[in-house]
Amino acid sequence: MSATLYGLTAVALAVSWRIDPEKTRRALKIGAKSLNGLAPRILGMVALVGLVLALVPPELITKLFTYQGIGGFVLVSAIGSIITMPAPIAFALVGSLFKMGAAPATLAAFVTTVTMVGIMTAPMEISCFGKRFTLIRQTLSFITAVIIGLLMGLFL
């Protein structure tokens, strides 16, 4: 999949260069400048998430996700809102937790908040989109995640 995307990008870049080399050069400069501005923030976020996950003992994680009741549900949703991780990693983690006996509703709320809400990434999002947009998006994402978790608990 990645090779296909890289190939399509290379073809699009070649076509763009053929049509207007100067405009393409300016676009590449703008893209490089944007990447240079975002890279330190992204790397910092990844390092912070890795550090948190490395410091929290696996037994505590298992205990947290097997806790039943509204208290555990709210706590897991809040934790998922703070940390952020890519969906493939989150899905793998949730699959492992499910095999350990975690409640499906709790896992649904967690995976939704961990992929849609991101308090740790909010400063980067604010710098790109503004405070108002970020606050509205994060709030709506959290509410949606809680509703998804509740519905999963209802149906499963």
C-alpha atoms as a PDB file:
ATOM      1  CA  MET A   1       0.000   0.000   0.000  1.00  0.00           C
ATOM      2  CA  SER A   2       2.754   2.439   0.911  1.00  0.00           C
ATOM      3  CA  ALA A   3       4.643   1.648  -2.294  1.00  0.00           C
ATOM      4  CA  THR A   4       1.511   2.447  -4.298  1.00  0.00           C
ATOM      5  CA  LEU A   5       1.077   5.793  -2.540  1.00  0.00           C
ATOM      6  CA  TYR A   6       4.741   6.664  -3.026  1.00  0.00           C
ATOM      7  CA  GLY A   7       4.509   5.691  -6.687  1.00  0.00           C
ATOM      8  CA  LEU A   8       1.385   7.785  -7.262  1.00  0.00           C
ATOM      9  CA  THR A   9       3.011  10.713  -5.471  1.00  0.00           C
ATOM     10  CA  ALA A  10       6.110  10.435  -7.671  1.00  0.00           C
ATOM     11  CA  VAL A  11       3.965  10.341 -10.817  1.00  0.00           C
ATOM     12  CA  ALA A  12       1.915  13.346  -9.673  1.00  0.00           C
ATOM     13  CA  LEU A  13       5.111  15.242  -8.856  1.00  0.00           C
ATOM     14  CA  ALA A  14       6.559  14.443 -12.281  1.00  0.00           C
ATOM     15  CA  VAL A  15       3.375  15.601 -14.009  1.00  0.00           C
ATOM     16  CA  SER A  16       3.302  18.776 -11.940  1.00  0.00           C
ATOM     17  CA  TRP A  17       6.968  19.444 -12.696  1.00  0.00           C
ATOM     18  CA  ARG A  18       6.342  18.959 -16.413  1.00  0.00           C
ATOM     19  CA  ILE A  19       3.394  21.373 -16.378  1.00  0.00           C
ATOM     20  CA  ASP A  20       4.958  24.121 -14.229  1.00  0.00           C
ATOM     21  CA  PRO A  21       8.420  23.545 -12.727  1.00  0.00           C
ATOM     22  CA  GLU A  22       8.538  26.854 -10.862  1.00  0.00           C
ATOM     23  CA  LYS A  23       5.178  26.367  -9.171  1.00  0.00           C
ATOM     24  CA  THR A  24       6.165  22.805  -8.246  1.00  0.00           C
ATOM     25  CA  ARG A  25       9.463  24.030  -6.783  1.00  0.00           C
ATOM     26  CA  ARG A  26       7.606  26.607  -4.645  1.00  0.00           C
ATOM     27  CA  ALA A  27       5.134  23.958  -3.460  1.00  0.00           C
ATOM     28  CA  LEU A  28       7.992  21.635  -2.484  1.00  0.00           C
ATOM     29  CA  LYS A  29       9.663  24.451  -0.527  1.00  0.00           C
ATOM     30  CA  ILE A  30       6.419  25.192   1.315  1.00  0.00           C
ATOM     31  CA  GLY A  31       5.966  21.482   2.088  1.00  0.00           C
ATOM     32  CA  ALA A  32       9.536  21.142   3.369  1.00  0.00           C
ATOM     33  CA  LYS A  33       9.128  24.208   5.567  1.00  0.00           C
ATOM     34  CA  SER A  34       5.883  22.817   7.011  1.00  0.00           C
ATOM     35  CA  LEU A  35       7.496  19.425   7.645  1.00  0.00           C
ATOM     36  CA  ASN A  36      10.438  21.075   9.426  1.00  0.00           C
ATOM     37  CA  GLY A  37       7.993  22.918  11.677  1.00  0.00           C
ATOM     38  CA  LEU A  38       5.901  19.858  12.518  1.00  0.00           C
ATOM     39  CA  ALA A  39       8.622  17.188  12.789  1.00  0.00           C
ATOM     40  CA  PRO A  40       9.918  18.167  16.257  1.00  0.00           C
ATOM     41  CA  ARG A  41       6.382  18.233  17.660  1.00  0.00           C
ATOM     42  CA  ILE A  42       5.476  14.887  16.151  1.00  0.00           C
ATOM     43  CA  LEU A  43       8.697  13.258  17.352  1.00  0.00           C
ATOM     44  CA  GLY A  44       8.173  14.730  20.824  1.00  0.00           C
ATOM     45  CA  MET A  45       4.646  13.377  20.950  1.00  0.00           C
ATOM     46  CA  VAL A  46       5.760   9.904  19.872  1.00  0.00           C
ATOM     47  CA  ALA A  47       8.556   9.918  22.450  1.00  0.00           C
ATOM     48  CA  LEU A  48       6.205  11.009  25.233  1.00  0.00           C
ATOM     49  CA  VAL A  49       3.643   8.314  24.390  1.00  0.00           C
ATOM     50  CA  GLY A  50       6.405   5.693  24.254  1.00  0.00           C
ATOM     51  CA  LEU A  51       7.758   6.832  27.611  1.00  0.00           C
ATOM     52  CA  VAL A  52       4.348   6.665  29.271  1.00  0.00           C
ATOM     53  CA  LEU A  53       3.646   3.224  27.850  1.00  0.00           C
ATOM     54  CA  ALA A  54       7.086   1.999  28.918  1.00  0.00           C
ATOM     55  CA  LEU A  55       6.708   3.289  32.489  1.00  0.00           C
ATOM     56  CA  VAL A  56       3.229   1.886  33.156  1.00  0.00           C
ATOM     57  CA  PRO A  57       3.411  -1.782  34.192  1.00  0.00           C
ATOM     58  CA  PRO A  58       1.415  -4.193  31.985  1.00  0.00           C
ATOM     59  CA  GLU A  59      -0.360  -5.593  35.067  1.00  0.00           C
ATOM     60  CA  LEU A  60      -1.775  -2.153  35.849  1.00  0.00           C
ATOM     61  CA  ILE A  61      -3.000  -1.788  32.277  1.00  0.00           C
ATOM     62  CA  THR A  62      -4.696  -5.198  32.390  1.00  0.00           C
ATOM     63  CA  LYS A  63      -6.309  -4.453  35.764  1.00  0.00           C
ATOM     64  CA  LEU A  64      -7.552  -1.080  34.533  1.00  0.00           C
ATOM     65  CA  PHE A  65      -9.222  -2.542  31.446  1.00  0.00           C
ATOM     66  CA  THR A  66     -10.821  -5.466  33.244  1.00  0.00           C
ATOM     67  CA  TYR A  67     -12.439  -3.169  35.845  1.00  0.00           C
ATOM     68  CA  GLN A  68     -16.195  -3.213  35.322  1.00  0.00           C
ATOM     69  CA  GLY A  69     -18.612  -0.369  35.911  1.00  0.00           C
ATOM     70  CA  ILE A  70     -19.038   3.255  34.999  1.00  0.00           C
ATOM     71  CA  GLY A  71     -15.963   4.303  36.975  1.00  0.00           C
ATOM     72  CA  GLY A  72     -13.657   2.133  34.883  1.00  0.00           C
ATOM     73  CA  PHE A  73     -15.409   3.230  31.706  1.00  0.00           C
ATOM     74  CA  VAL A  74     -14.932   6.921  32.473  1.00  0.00           C
ATOM     75  CA  LEU A  75     -11.337   6.427  33.632  1.00  0.00           C
ATOM     76  CA  VAL A  76     -10.349   4.497  30.496  1.00  0.00           C
ATOM     77  CA  SER A  77     -12.037   7.124  28.287  1.00  0.00           C
ATOM     78  CA  ALA A  78     -10.128   9.889  30.067  1.00  0.00           C
ATOM     79  CA  ILE A  79      -6.825   8.040  29.722  1.00  0.00           C
ATOM     80  CA  GLY A  80      -7.511   7.406  26.038  1.00  0.00           C
ATOM     81  CA  SER A  81      -8.163  11.124  25.592  1.00  0.00           C
ATOM     82  CA  ILE A  82      -4.801  12.047  27.042  1.00  0.00           C
ATOM     83  CA  ILE A  83      -2.614   9.646  25.108  1.00  0.00           C
ATOM     84  CA  THR A  84      -2.593   9.327  21.350  1.00  0.00           C
ATOM     85  CA  MET A  85      -1.445   6.480  19.179  1.00  0.00           C
ATOM     86  CA  PRO A  86      -1.853   5.405  15.578  1.00  0.00           C
ATOM     87  CA  ALA A  87      -4.851   3.181  14.875  1.00  0.00           C
ATOM     88  CA  PRO A  88      -2.864   0.037  13.943  1.00  0.00           C
ATOM     89  CA  ILE A  89      -1.056   0.128  17.293  1.00  0.00           C
ATOM     90  CA  ALA A  90      -4.269   0.920  19.182  1.00  0.00           C
ATOM     91  CA  PHE A  91      -6.143  -1.947  17.508  1.00  0.00           C
ATOM     92  CA  ALA A  92      -3.378  -4.415  18.307  1.00  0.00           C
ATOM     93  CA  LEU A  93      -3.309  -3.247  21.935  1.00  0.00           C
ATOM     94  CA  VAL A  94      -7.090  -3.525  22.234  1.00  0.00           C
ATOM     95  CA  GLY A  95      -7.001  -7.014  20.719  1.00  0.00           C
ATOM     96  CA  SER A  96      -4.487  -8.115  23.350  1.00  0.00           C
ATOM     97  CA  LEU A  97      -6.532  -6.542  26.139  1.00  0.00           C
ATOM     98  CA  PHE A  98      -9.697  -8.254  24.891  1.00  0.00           C
ATOM     99  CA  LYS A  99      -7.941 -11.623  25.038  1.00  0.00           C
ATOM    100  CA  MET A 100      -7.011 -10.810  28.646  1.00  0.00           C
ATOM    101  CA  GLY A 101     -10.677 -10.300  29.535  1.00  0.00           C
ATOM    102  CA  ALA A 102     -11.238  -6.564  29.123  1.00  0.00           C
ATOM    103  CA  ALA A 103     -14.837  -5.439  28.669  1.00  0.00           C
ATOM    104  CA  PRO A 104     -15.788  -4.689  25.031  1.00  0.00           C
ATOM    105  CA  ALA A 105     -17.532  -1.405  25.942  1.00  0.00           C
ATOM    106  CA  THR A 106     -14.471  -0.172  27.785  1.00  0.00           C
ATOM    107  CA  LEU A 107     -12.223  -1.176  24.908  1.00  0.00           C
ATOM    108  CA  ALA A 108     -14.499   0.521  22.363  1.00  0.00           C
ATOM    109  CA  ALA A 109     -14.426   3.780  24.321  1.00  0.00           C
ATOM    110  CA  PHE A 110     -10.655   3.530  24.763  1.00  0.00           C
ATOM    111  CA  VAL A 111      -9.787   2.800  21.145  1.00  0.00           C
ATOM    112  CA  THR A 112     -12.086   5.574  19.959  1.00  0.00           C
ATOM    113  CA  THR A 113     -10.677   8.175  22.347  1.00  0.00           C
ATOM    114  CA  VAL A 114      -7.062   7.104  21.814  1.00  0.00           C
ATOM    115  CA  THR A 115      -7.399   7.537  18.039  1.00  0.00           C
ATOM    116  CA  MET A 116      -9.833  10.499  17.837  1.00  0.00           C
ATOM    117  CA  VAL A 117      -9.060  12.654  20.862  1.00  0.00           C
ATOM    118  CA  GLY A 118      -5.568  13.789  21.773  1.00  0.00           C
ATOM    119  CA  ILE A 119      -4.872  16.166  24.603  1.00  0.00           C
ATOM    120  CA  MET A 120      -1.127  15.578  24.163  1.00  0.00           C
ATOM    121  CA  THR A 121      -1.388  16.560  20.498  1.00  0.00           C
ATOM    122  CA  ALA A 122      -3.657  19.556  21.144  1.00  0.00           C
ATOM    123  CA  PRO A 123      -0.833  22.145  21.132  1.00  0.00           C
ATOM    124  CA  MET A 124       0.263  20.996  17.686  1.00  0.00           C
ATOM    125  CA  GLU A 125      -3.333  20.994  16.471  1.00  0.00           C
ATOM    126  CA  ILE A 126      -3.910  24.484  17.898  1.00  0.00           C
ATOM    127  CA  SER A 127      -0.867  25.799  16.043  1.00  0.00           C
ATOM    128  CA  CYS A 128      -2.264  24.420  12.779  1.00  0.00           C
ATOM    129  CA  PHE A 129      -6.019  24.963  13.139  1.00  0.00           C
ATOM    130  CA  GLY A 130      -6.581  27.371  16.027  1.00  0.00           C
ATOM    131  CA  LYS A 131      -7.815  27.021  19.601  1.00  0.00           C
ATOM    132  CA  ARG A 132     -11.556  27.187  18.888  1.00  0.00           C
ATOM    133  CA  PHE A 133     -11.507  24.502  16.190  1.00  0.00           C
ATOM    134  CA  THR A 134      -9.335  22.208  18.321  1.00  0.00           C
ATOM    135  CA  LEU A 135     -11.574  22.574  21.369  1.00  0.00           C
ATOM    136  CA  ILE A 136     -14.741  21.870  19.377  1.00  0.00           C
ATOM    137  CA  ARG A 137     -13.190  18.901  17.550  1.00  0.00           C
ATOM    138  CA  GLN A 138     -11.744  17.368  20.711  1.00  0.00           C
ATOM    139  CA  THR A 139     -15.003  17.785  22.643  1.00  0.00           C
ATOM    140  CA  LEU A 140     -17.161  16.310  19.881  1.00  0.00           C
ATOM    141  CA  SER A 141     -14.695  13.446  19.452  1.00  0.00           C
ATOM    142  CA  PHE A 142     -14.803  12.652  23.173  1.00  0.00           C
ATOM    143  CA  ILE A 143     -18.604  12.712  23.269  1.00  0.00           C
ATOM    144  CA  THR A 144     -18.728  10.480  20.185  1.00  0.00           C
ATOM    145  CA  ALA A 145     -16.247   8.053  21.768  1.00  0.00           C
ATOM    146  CA  VAL A 146     -18.317   7.773  24.941  1.00  0.00           C
ATOM    147  CA  ILE A 147     -21.502   7.174  22.921  1.00  0.00           C
ATOM    148  CA  ILE A 148     -19.740   4.480  20.861  1.00  0.00           C
ATOM    149  CA  GLY A 149     -18.540   2.790  24.045  1.00  0.00           C
ATOM    150  CA  LEU A 150     -21.997   2.892  25.596  1.00  0.00           C
ATOM    151  CA  LEU A 151     -23.600   1.496  22.445  1.00  0.00           C
ATOM    152  CA  MET A 152     -21.024  -1.303  22.278  1.00  0.00           C
ATOM    153  CA  GLY A 153     -21.815  -2.147  25.898  1.00  0.00           C
ATOM    154  CA  LEU A 154     -25.510  -2.170  25.084  1.00  0.00           C
ATOM    155  CA  PHE A 155     -25.177  -4.408  22.017  1.00  0.00           C
ATOM    156  CA  LEU A 156     -22.420  -6.703  23.242  1.00  0.00           C
END
